[in-house]
Amino acid sequence: MKSKSSNKNLHKANQAKNDEFYTQLVDIEKELKHYKEQFKNKVVYCNCDDPFESNFFKYFASNFKALKLKRLIATSYKPSPIANTQLGLFGDDK
């Protein structure tokens, strides 16, 4: 007899449209505020599912000058459904 997967919470999160499945921007800000000096003149590489929707990319893009980054690189392996569209960086594009 096969056992059925018991990851109900993951399935619910996947189905819920307003559920934040990935790391929230507020959590990224809380943690990375302690490391501003370590980012100075550094290249940040974000390997994202979709850089246009990644909160890590949003954080580094919106704080590029404040962190004194040298370069920000974001990649993904699947095409984005919102690529080549105009987006607001802070969610005000709705």
PDB file of N, CA and C in Angstrom:
ATOM      1  N   MET A   1       0.834  -1.180   0.000  1.00  0.00           N
ATOM      2  CA  MET A   1       0.000   0.000   0.000  1.00  0.00           C
ATOM      3  C   MET A   1       0.885   1.252   0.000  1.00  0.00           C
ATOM      4  N   LYS A   2       0.603   2.177  -0.892  1.00  0.00           N
ATOM      5  CA  LYS A   2       1.373   3.416  -0.983  1.00  0.00           C
ATOM      6  C   LYS A   2       0.953   4.380   0.120  1.00  0.00           C
ATOM      7  N   SER A   3       1.942   5.084   0.659  1.00  0.00           N
ATOM      8  CA  SER A   3       1.604   6.115   1.643  1.00  0.00           C
ATOM      9  C   SER A   3       1.478   7.448   0.921  1.00  0.00           C
ATOM     10  N   LYS A   4       0.460   8.185   1.268  1.00  0.00           N
ATOM     11  CA  LYS A   4       0.204   9.473   0.639  1.00  0.00           C
ATOM     12  C   LYS A   4       1.062  10.551   1.308  1.00  0.00           C
ATOM     13  N   SER A   5       1.545  11.485   0.532  1.00  0.00           N
ATOM     14  CA  SER A   5       2.366  12.573   1.059  1.00  0.00           C
ATOM     15  C   SER A   5       1.584  13.345   2.117  1.00  0.00           C
ATOM     16  N   SER A   6       2.249  13.671   3.200  1.00  0.00           N
ATOM     17  CA  SER A   6       1.565  14.360   4.295  1.00  0.00           C
ATOM     18  C   SER A   6       2.014  15.814   4.441  1.00  0.00           C
ATOM     19  N   ASN A   7       2.430  16.424   3.368  1.00  0.00           N
ATOM     20  CA  ASN A   7       2.865  17.828   3.440  1.00  0.00           C
ATOM     21  C   ASN A   7       1.697  18.754   3.097  1.00  0.00           C
ATOM     22  N   LYS A   8       0.646  18.663   3.883  1.00  0.00           N
ATOM     23  CA  LYS A   8      -0.579  19.430   3.646  1.00  0.00           C
ATOM     24  C   LYS A   8      -0.329  20.934   3.670  1.00  0.00           C
ATOM     25  N   ASN A   9       0.526  21.389   4.576  1.00  0.00           N
ATOM     26  CA  ASN A   9       0.793  22.830   4.666  1.00  0.00           C
ATOM     27  C   ASN A   9       1.436  23.370   3.398  1.00  0.00           C
ATOM     28  N   LEU A  10       2.343  22.621   2.809  1.00  0.00           N
ATOM     29  CA  LEU A  10       2.960  23.069   1.555  1.00  0.00           C
ATOM     30  C   LEU A  10       1.934  23.124   0.432  1.00  0.00           C
ATOM     31  N   HIS A  11       1.067  22.142   0.382  1.00  0.00           N
ATOM     32  CA  HIS A  11       0.025  22.145  -0.647  1.00  0.00           C
ATOM     33  C   HIS A  11      -0.938  23.316  -0.446  1.00  0.00           C
ATOM     34  N   LYS A  12      -1.290  23.602   0.801  1.00  0.00           N
ATOM     35  CA  LYS A  12      -2.169  24.740   1.080  1.00  0.00           C
ATOM     36  C   LYS A  12      -1.489  26.053   0.695  1.00  0.00           C
ATOM     37  N   ALA A  13      -0.219  26.198   1.022  1.00  0.00           N
ATOM     38  CA  ALA A  13       0.519  27.420   0.682  1.00  0.00           C
ATOM     39  C   ALA A  13       0.615  27.589  -0.825  1.00  0.00           C
ATOM     40  N   ASN A  14       0.779  26.496  -1.520  1.00  0.00           N
ATOM     41  CA  ASN A  14       0.866  26.545  -2.977  1.00  0.00           C
ATOM     42  C   ASN A  14      -0.456  26.975  -3.594  1.00  0.00           C
ATOM     43  N   GLN A  15      -1.554  26.615  -2.971  1.00  0.00           N
ATOM     44  CA  GLN A  15      -2.872  26.928  -3.512  1.00  0.00           C
ATOM     45  C   GLN A  15      -3.369  28.309  -3.108  1.00  0.00           C
ATOM     46  N   ALA A  16      -2.936  28.811  -1.978  1.00  0.00           N
ATOM     47  CA  ALA A  16      -3.412  30.106  -1.480  1.00  0.00           C
ATOM     48  C   ALA A  16      -2.727  31.243  -2.222  1.00  0.00           C
ATOM     49  N   LYS A  17      -3.513  32.100  -2.853  1.00  0.00           N
ATOM     50  CA  LYS A  17      -2.933  33.164  -3.670  1.00  0.00           C
ATOM     51  C   LYS A  17      -2.250  34.242  -2.841  1.00  0.00           C
ATOM     52  N   ASN A  18      -2.719  34.527  -1.652  1.00  0.00           N
ATOM     53  CA  ASN A  18      -2.143  35.593  -0.833  1.00  0.00           C
ATOM     54  C   ASN A  18      -1.129  35.080   0.176  1.00  0.00           C
ATOM     55  N   ASP A  19      -0.771  33.836   0.102  1.00  0.00           N
ATOM     56  CA  ASP A  19       0.170  33.261   1.053  1.00  0.00           C
ATOM     57  C   ASP A  19       1.597  33.488   0.558  1.00  0.00           C
ATOM     58  N   GLU A  20       2.437  34.093   1.384  1.00  0.00           N
ATOM     59  CA  GLU A  20       3.832  34.352   1.010  1.00  0.00           C
ATOM     60  C   GLU A  20       4.640  33.088   1.236  1.00  0.00           C
ATOM     61  N   PHE A  21       4.992  32.414   0.159  1.00  0.00           N
ATOM     62  CA  PHE A  21       5.714  31.145   0.244  1.00  0.00           C
ATOM     63  C   PHE A  21       7.209  31.373   0.413  1.00  0.00           C
ATOM     64  N   TYR A  22       7.717  32.436  -0.179  1.00  0.00           N
ATOM     65  CA  TYR A  22       9.145  32.718  -0.121  1.00  0.00           C
ATOM     66  C   TYR A  22       9.457  33.677   1.028  1.00  0.00           C
ATOM     67  N   THR A  23      10.719  33.949   1.242  1.00  0.00           N
ATOM     68  CA  THR A  23      11.141  34.838   2.323  1.00  0.00           C
ATOM     69  C   THR A  23      10.539  36.228   2.125  1.00  0.00           C
ATOM     70  N   GLN A  24       9.931  36.751   3.157  1.00  0.00           N
ATOM     71  CA  GLN A  24       9.284  38.051   3.082  1.00  0.00           C
ATOM     72  C   GLN A  24      10.325  39.164   3.153  1.00  0.00           C
ATOM     73  N   LEU A  25      10.018  40.268   2.484  1.00  0.00           N
ATOM     74  CA  LEU A  25      10.931  41.407   2.422  1.00  0.00           C
ATOM     75  C   LEU A  25      11.255  41.943   3.816  1.00  0.00           C
ATOM     76  N   VAL A  26      10.289  41.992   4.688  1.00  0.00           N
ATOM     77  CA  VAL A  26      10.517  42.509   6.041  1.00  0.00           C
ATOM     78  C   VAL A  26      11.531  41.645   6.794  1.00  0.00           C
ATOM     79  N   ASP A  27      11.500  40.341   6.584  1.00  0.00           N
ATOM     80  CA  ASP A  27      12.464  39.448   7.233  1.00  0.00           C
ATOM     81  C   ASP A  27      13.870  39.639   6.674  1.00  0.00           C
ATOM     82  N   ILE A  28      13.960  39.873   5.375  1.00  0.00           N
ATOM     83  CA  ILE A  28      15.257  40.127   4.737  1.00  0.00           C
ATOM     84  C   ILE A  28      15.852  41.422   5.289  1.00  0.00           C
ATOM     85  N   GLU A  29      15.017  42.458   5.379  1.00  0.00           N
ATOM     86  CA  GLU A  29      15.489  43.747   5.900  1.00  0.00           C
ATOM     87  C   GLU A  29      15.968  43.626   7.349  1.00  0.00           C
ATOM     88  N   LYS A  30      15.222  42.904   8.166  1.00  0.00           N
ATOM     89  CA  LYS A  30      15.603  42.733   9.580  1.00  0.00           C
ATOM     90  C   LYS A  30      16.964  42.063   9.724  1.00  0.00           C
ATOM     91  N   GLU A  31      17.225  41.072   8.903  1.00  0.00           N
ATOM     92  CA  GLU A  31      18.473  40.320   9.028  1.00  0.00           C
ATOM     93  C   GLU A  31      19.658  41.045   8.392  1.00  0.00           C
ATOM     94  N   LEU A  32      19.482  41.539   7.176  1.00  0.00           N
ATOM     95  CA  LEU A  32      20.618  42.092   6.445  1.00  0.00           C
ATOM     96  C   LEU A  32      21.033  43.486   6.893  1.00  0.00           C
ATOM     97  N   LYS A  33      20.209  44.148   7.705  1.00  0.00           N
ATOM     98  CA  LYS A  33      20.605  45.476   8.195  1.00  0.00           C
ATOM     99  C   LYS A  33      21.863  45.406   9.059  1.00  0.00           C
ATOM    100  N   HIS A  34      22.183  44.242   9.563  1.00  0.00           N
ATOM    101  CA  HIS A  34      23.364  44.064  10.406  1.00  0.00           C
ATOM    102  C   HIS A  34      24.653  43.881   9.597  1.00  0.00           C
ATOM    103  N   TYR A  35      24.535  43.773   8.275  1.00  0.00           N
ATOM    104  CA  TYR A  35      25.697  43.434   7.446  1.00  0.00           C
ATOM    105  C   TYR A  35      26.005  44.469   6.375  1.00  0.00           C
ATOM    106  N   LYS A  36      25.597  45.713   6.570  1.00  0.00           N
ATOM    107  CA  LYS A  36      25.779  46.739   5.536  1.00  0.00           C
ATOM    108  C   LYS A  36      27.239  46.928   5.147  1.00  0.00           C
ATOM    109  N   GLU A  37      28.132  46.947   6.087  1.00  0.00           N
ATOM    110  CA  GLU A  37      29.559  47.136   5.782  1.00  0.00           C
ATOM    111  C   GLU A  37      30.132  45.978   4.970  1.00  0.00           C
ATOM    112  N   GLN A  38      29.637  44.789   5.188  1.00  0.00           N
ATOM    113  CA  GLN A  38      30.156  43.616   4.469  1.00  0.00           C
ATOM    114  C   GLN A  38      29.772  43.628   2.992  1.00  0.00           C
ATOM    115  N   PHE A  39      28.756  44.391   2.618  1.00  0.00           N
ATOM    116  CA  PHE A  39      28.334  44.443   1.216  1.00  0.00           C
ATOM    117  C   PHE A  39      29.067  45.514   0.409  1.00  0.00           C
ATOM    118  N   LYS A  40      29.795  46.396   1.066  1.00  0.00           N
ATOM    119  CA  LYS A  40      30.469  47.501   0.381  1.00  0.00           C
ATOM    120  C   LYS A  40      31.430  46.970  -0.687  1.00  0.00           C
ATOM    121  N   ASN A  41      31.254  47.482  -1.935  1.00  0.00           N
ATOM    122  CA  ASN A  41      32.071  47.118  -3.102  1.00  0.00           C
ATOM    123  C   ASN A  41      32.012  45.633  -3.454  1.00  0.00           C
ATOM    124  N   LYS A  42      30.926  44.979  -3.115  1.00  0.00           N
ATOM    125  CA  LYS A  42      30.768  43.550  -3.416  1.00  0.00           C
ATOM    126  C   LYS A  42      29.817  43.351  -4.592  1.00  0.00           C
ATOM    127  N   VAL A  43      29.970  42.219  -5.261  1.00  0.00           N
ATOM    128  CA  VAL A  43      29.036  41.780  -6.294  1.00  0.00           C
ATOM    129  C   VAL A  43      28.071  40.810  -5.628  1.00  0.00           C
ATOM    130  N   VAL A  44      26.777  41.089  -5.739  1.00  0.00           N
ATOM    131  CA  VAL A  44      25.752  40.212  -5.173  1.00  0.00           C
ATOM    132  C   VAL A  44      25.116  39.440  -6.317  1.00  0.00           C
ATOM    133  N   TYR A  45      25.091  38.133  -6.174  1.00  0.00           N
ATOM    134  CA  TYR A  45      24.515  37.243  -7.185  1.00  0.00           C
ATOM    135  C   TYR A  45      23.263  36.606  -6.603  1.00  0.00           C
ATOM    136  N   CYS A  46      22.116  36.860  -7.223  1.00  0.00           N
ATOM    137  CA  CYS A  46      20.843  36.278  -6.785  1.00  0.00           C
ATOM    138  C   CYS A  46      20.403  35.245  -7.808  1.00  0.00           C
ATOM    139  N   ASN A  47      20.432  33.998  -7.427  1.00  0.00           N
ATOM    140  CA  ASN A  47      19.915  32.927  -8.268  1.00  0.00           C
ATOM    141  C   ASN A  47      18.456  32.740  -7.875  1.00  0.00           C
ATOM    142  N   CYS A  48      17.556  33.327  -8.663  1.00  0.00           N
ATOM    143  CA  CYS A  48      16.143  33.419  -8.292  1.00  0.00           C
ATOM    144  C   CYS A  48      15.278  32.541  -9.181  1.00  0.00           C
ATOM    145  N   ASP A  49      14.108  32.173  -8.668  1.00  0.00           N
ATOM    146  CA  ASP A  49      13.105  31.556  -9.531  1.00  0.00           C
ATOM    147  C   ASP A  49      12.661  32.585 -10.562  1.00  0.00           C
ATOM    148  N   ASP A  50      12.471  33.815 -10.114  1.00  0.00           N
ATOM    149  CA  ASP A  50      12.073  34.920 -10.978  1.00  0.00           C
ATOM    150  C   ASP A  50      12.581  36.215 -10.343  1.00  0.00           C
ATOM    151  N   PRO A  51      13.617  36.828 -10.907  1.00  0.00           N
ATOM    152  CA  PRO A  51      14.168  38.035 -10.283  1.00  0.00           C
ATOM    153  C   PRO A  51      13.163  39.177 -10.169  1.00  0.00           C
ATOM    154  N   PHE A  52      12.144  39.197 -11.034  1.00  0.00           N
ATOM    155  CA  PHE A  52      11.149  40.258 -10.968  1.00  0.00           C
ATOM    156  C   PHE A  52      10.232  40.106  -9.764  1.00  0.00           C
ATOM    157  N   GLU A  53      10.177  38.911  -9.194  1.00  0.00           N
ATOM    158  CA  GLU A  53       9.321  38.662  -8.040  1.00  0.00           C
ATOM    159  C   GLU A  53      10.114  38.321  -6.781  1.00  0.00           C
ATOM    160  N   SER A  54      11.417  38.234  -6.873  1.00  0.00           N
ATOM    161  CA  SER A  54      12.259  37.863  -5.739  1.00  0.00           C
ATOM    162  C   SER A  54      12.393  39.019  -4.748  1.00  0.00           C
ATOM    163  N   ASN A  55      12.082  38.748  -3.496  1.00  0.00           N
ATOM    164  CA  ASN A  55      12.242  39.777  -2.468  1.00  0.00           C
ATOM    165  C   ASN A  55      13.704  40.068  -2.175  1.00  0.00           C
ATOM    166  N   PHE A  56      14.577  39.095  -2.376  1.00  0.00           N
ATOM    167  CA  PHE A  56      16.007  39.365  -2.205  1.00  0.00           C
ATOM    168  C   PHE A  56      16.476  40.348  -3.274  1.00  0.00           C
ATOM    169  N   PHE A  57      16.052  40.132  -4.522  1.00  0.00           N
ATOM    170  CA  PHE A  57      16.428  41.062  -5.582  1.00  0.00           C
ATOM    171  C   PHE A  57      15.862  42.453  -5.298  1.00  0.00           C
ATOM    172  N   LYS A  58      14.598  42.519  -4.865  1.00  0.00           N
ATOM    173  CA  LYS A  58      13.990  43.817  -4.542  1.00  0.00           C
ATOM    174  C   LYS A  58      14.793  44.537  -3.458  1.00  0.00           C
ATOM    175  N   TYR A  59      15.209  43.797  -2.440  1.00  0.00           N
ATOM    176  CA  TYR A  59      15.986  44.403  -1.355  1.00  0.00           C
ATOM    177  C   TYR A  59      17.298  44.979  -1.877  1.00  0.00           C
ATOM    178  N   PHE A  60      18.047  44.164  -2.622  1.00  0.00           N
ATOM    179  CA  PHE A  60      19.349  44.629  -3.094  1.00  0.00           C
ATOM    180  C   PHE A  60      19.212  45.728  -4.141  1.00  0.00           C
ATOM    181  N   ALA A  61      18.205  45.676  -4.991  1.00  0.00           N
ATOM    182  CA  ALA A  61      18.005  46.721  -5.999  1.00  0.00           C
ATOM    183  C   ALA A  61      17.619  48.041  -5.341  1.00  0.00           C
ATOM    184  N   SER A  62      16.743  47.989  -4.357  1.00  0.00           N
ATOM    185  CA  SER A  62      16.300  49.227  -3.717  1.00  0.00           C
ATOM    186  C   SER A  62      17.340  49.794  -2.751  1.00  0.00           C
ATOM    187  N   ASN A  63      18.292  48.981  -2.330  1.00  0.00           N
ATOM    188  CA  ASN A  63      19.342  49.433  -1.409  1.00  0.00           C
ATOM    189  C   ASN A  63      20.725  49.439  -2.056  1.00  0.00           C
ATOM    190  N   PHE A  64      20.768  49.423  -3.378  1.00  0.00           N
ATOM    191  CA  PHE A  64      22.026  49.324  -4.112  1.00  0.00           C
ATOM    192  C   PHE A  64      23.023  50.411  -3.688  1.00  0.00           C
ATOM    193  N   LYS A  65      22.581  51.660  -3.700  1.00  0.00           N
ATOM    194  CA  LYS A  65      23.481  52.772  -3.349  1.00  0.00           C
ATOM    195  C   LYS A  65      23.786  52.801  -1.860  1.00  0.00           C
ATOM    196  N   ALA A  66      22.789  52.554  -1.030  1.00  0.00           N
ATOM    197  CA  ALA A  66      23.003  52.589   0.426  1.00  0.00           C
ATOM    198  C   ALA A  66      23.989  51.511   0.867  1.00  0.00           C
ATOM    199  N   LEU A  67      23.955  50.363   0.204  1.00  0.00           N
ATOM    200  CA  LEU A  67      24.881  49.274   0.531  1.00  0.00           C
ATOM    201  C   LEU A  67      26.229  49.435  -0.161  1.00  0.00           C
ATOM    202  N   LYS A  68      26.297  50.391  -1.107  1.00  0.00           N
ATOM    203  CA  LYS A  68      27.512  50.646  -1.888  1.00  0.00           C
ATOM    204  C   LYS A  68      27.966  49.390  -2.636  1.00  0.00           C
ATOM    205  N   LEU A  69      26.975  48.727  -3.254  1.00  0.00           N
ATOM    206  CA  LEU A  69      27.285  47.515  -4.015  1.00  0.00           C
ATOM    207  C   LEU A  69      28.064  47.859  -5.272  1.00  0.00           C
ATOM    208  N   LYS A  70      28.908  46.962  -5.682  1.00  0.00           N
ATOM    209  CA  LYS A  70      29.649  47.115  -6.930  1.00  0.00           C
ATOM    210  C   LYS A  70      28.768  46.694  -8.104  1.00  0.00           C
ATOM    211  N   ARG A  71      28.038  45.595  -7.930  1.00  0.00           N
ATOM    212  CA  ARG A  71      27.194  45.065  -9.003  1.00  0.00           C
ATOM    213  C   ARG A  71      26.142  44.144  -8.402  1.00  0.00           C
ATOM    214  N   LEU A  72      24.978  44.080  -9.066  1.00  0.00           N
ATOM    215  CA  LEU A  72      23.906  43.164  -8.684  1.00  0.00           C
ATOM    216  C   LEU A  72      23.550  42.327  -9.899  1.00  0.00           C
ATOM    217  N   ILE A  73      23.669  41.018  -9.758  1.00  0.00           N
ATOM    218  CA  ILE A  73      23.379  40.090 -10.850  1.00  0.00           C
ATOM    219  C   ILE A  73      22.252  39.170 -10.405  1.00  0.00           C
ATOM    220  N   ALA A  74      21.236  39.023 -11.240  1.00  0.00           N
ATOM    221  CA  ALA A  74      20.134  38.105 -10.946  1.00  0.00           C
ATOM    222  C   ALA A  74      19.900  37.216 -12.156  1.00  0.00           C
ATOM    223  N   THR A  75      19.725  35.942 -11.902  1.00  0.00           N
ATOM    224  CA  THR A  75      19.475  34.987 -12.980  1.00  0.00           C
ATOM    225  C   THR A  75      18.285  34.112 -12.623  1.00  0.00           C
ATOM    226  N   SER A  76      17.720  33.483 -13.650  1.00  0.00           N
ATOM    227  CA  SER A  76      16.669  32.486 -13.428  1.00  0.00           C
ATOM    228  C   SER A  76      16.697  31.509 -14.591  1.00  0.00           C
ATOM    229  N   TYR A  77      16.117  30.361 -14.355  1.00  0.00           N
ATOM    230  CA  TYR A  77      16.106  29.326 -15.383  1.00  0.00           C
ATOM    231  C   TYR A  77      14.797  29.241 -16.137  1.00  0.00           C
ATOM    232  N   LYS A  78      13.775  29.867 -15.624  1.00  0.00           N
ATOM    233  CA  LYS A  78      12.507  29.834 -16.343  1.00  0.00           C
ATOM    234  C   LYS A  78      12.109  31.257 -16.704  1.00  0.00           C
ATOM    235  N   PRO A  79      11.400  31.431 -17.806  1.00  0.00           N
ATOM    236  CA  PRO A  79      11.001  32.777 -18.209  1.00  0.00           C
ATOM    237  C   PRO A  79       9.975  33.360 -17.232  1.00  0.00           C
ATOM    238  N   SER A  80      10.035  34.652 -17.072  1.00  0.00           N
ATOM    239  CA  SER A  80       9.122  35.333 -16.164  1.00  0.00           C
ATOM    240  C   SER A  80       7.853  35.750 -16.896  1.00  0.00           C
ATOM    241  N   PRO A  81       6.695  35.552 -16.265  1.00  0.00           N
ATOM    242  CA  PRO A  81       5.455  36.004 -16.897  1.00  0.00           C
ATOM    243  C   PRO A  81       5.319  37.523 -16.893  1.00  0.00           C
ATOM    244  N   ILE A  82       6.155  38.212 -16.112  1.00  0.00           N
ATOM    245  CA  ILE A  82       6.047  39.667 -16.050  1.00  0.00           C
ATOM    246  C   ILE A  82       7.275  40.377 -16.599  1.00  0.00           C
ATOM    247  N   ALA A  83       8.166  39.640 -17.240  1.00  0.00           N
ATOM    248  CA  ALA A  83       9.349  40.258 -17.842  1.00  0.00           C
ATOM    249  C   ALA A  83       8.922  41.217 -18.946  1.00  0.00           C
ATOM    250  N   ASN A  84       9.707  42.253 -19.133  1.00  0.00           N
ATOM    251  CA  ASN A  84       9.460  43.277 -20.152  1.00  0.00           C
ATOM    252  C   ASN A  84       8.178  44.057 -19.910  1.00  0.00           C
ATOM    253  N   THR A  85       7.765  44.140 -18.657  1.00  0.00           N
ATOM    254  CA  THR A  85       6.640  44.989 -18.285  1.00  0.00           C
ATOM    255  C   THR A  85       7.149  45.991 -17.261  1.00  0.00           C
ATOM    256  N   GLN A  86       6.446  47.098 -17.129  1.00  0.00           N
ATOM    257  CA  GLN A  86       6.872  48.109 -16.167  1.00  0.00           C
ATOM    258  C   GLN A  86       6.322  47.748 -14.800  1.00  0.00           C
ATOM    259  N   LEU A  87       7.214  47.674 -13.832  1.00  0.00           N
ATOM    260  CA  LEU A  87       6.825  47.300 -12.477  1.00  0.00           C
ATOM    261  C   LEU A  87       7.288  48.350 -11.487  1.00  0.00           C
ATOM    262  N   GLY A  88       6.503  48.531 -10.459  1.00  0.00           N
ATOM    263  CA  GLY A  88       6.934  49.355  -9.339  1.00  0.00           C
ATOM    264  C   GLY A  88       7.782  48.489  -8.421  1.00  0.00           C
ATOM    265  N   LEU A  89       8.819  49.040  -7.889  1.00  0.00           N
ATOM    266  CA  LEU A  89       9.727  48.261  -7.057  1.00  0.00           C
ATOM    267  C   LEU A  89       9.126  47.926  -5.702  1.00  0.00           C
ATOM    268  N   PHE A  90       8.191  48.730  -5.224  1.00  0.00           N
ATOM    269  CA  PHE A  90       7.677  48.547  -3.873  1.00  0.00           C
ATOM    270  C   PHE A  90       6.230  48.068  -3.847  1.00  0.00           C
ATOM    271  N   GLY A  91       5.775  47.404  -4.891  1.00  0.00           N
ATOM    272  CA  GLY A  91       4.431  46.849  -4.897  1.00  0.00           C
ATOM    273  C   GLY A  91       3.339  47.859  -5.189  1.00  0.00           C
ATOM    274  N   ASP A  92       3.694  49.060  -5.624  1.00  0.00           N
ATOM    275  CA  ASP A  92       2.688  50.078  -5.919  1.00  0.00           C
ATOM    276  C   ASP A  92       2.221  50.023  -7.371  1.00  0.00           C
ATOM    277  N   ASP A  93       2.526  48.938  -8.055  1.00  0.00           N
ATOM    278  CA  ASP A  93       2.196  48.798  -9.470  1.00  0.00           C
ATOM    279  C   ASP A  93       0.849  48.134  -9.686  1.00  0.00           C
ATOM    280  N   LYS A  94       0.082  47.913  -8.657  1.00  0.00           N
ATOM    281  CA  LYS A  94      -1.194  47.185  -8.794  1.00  0.00           C
ATOM    282  C   LYS A  94      -2.323  48.095  -9.152  1.00  0.00           C
TER     283      LYS A  94
END
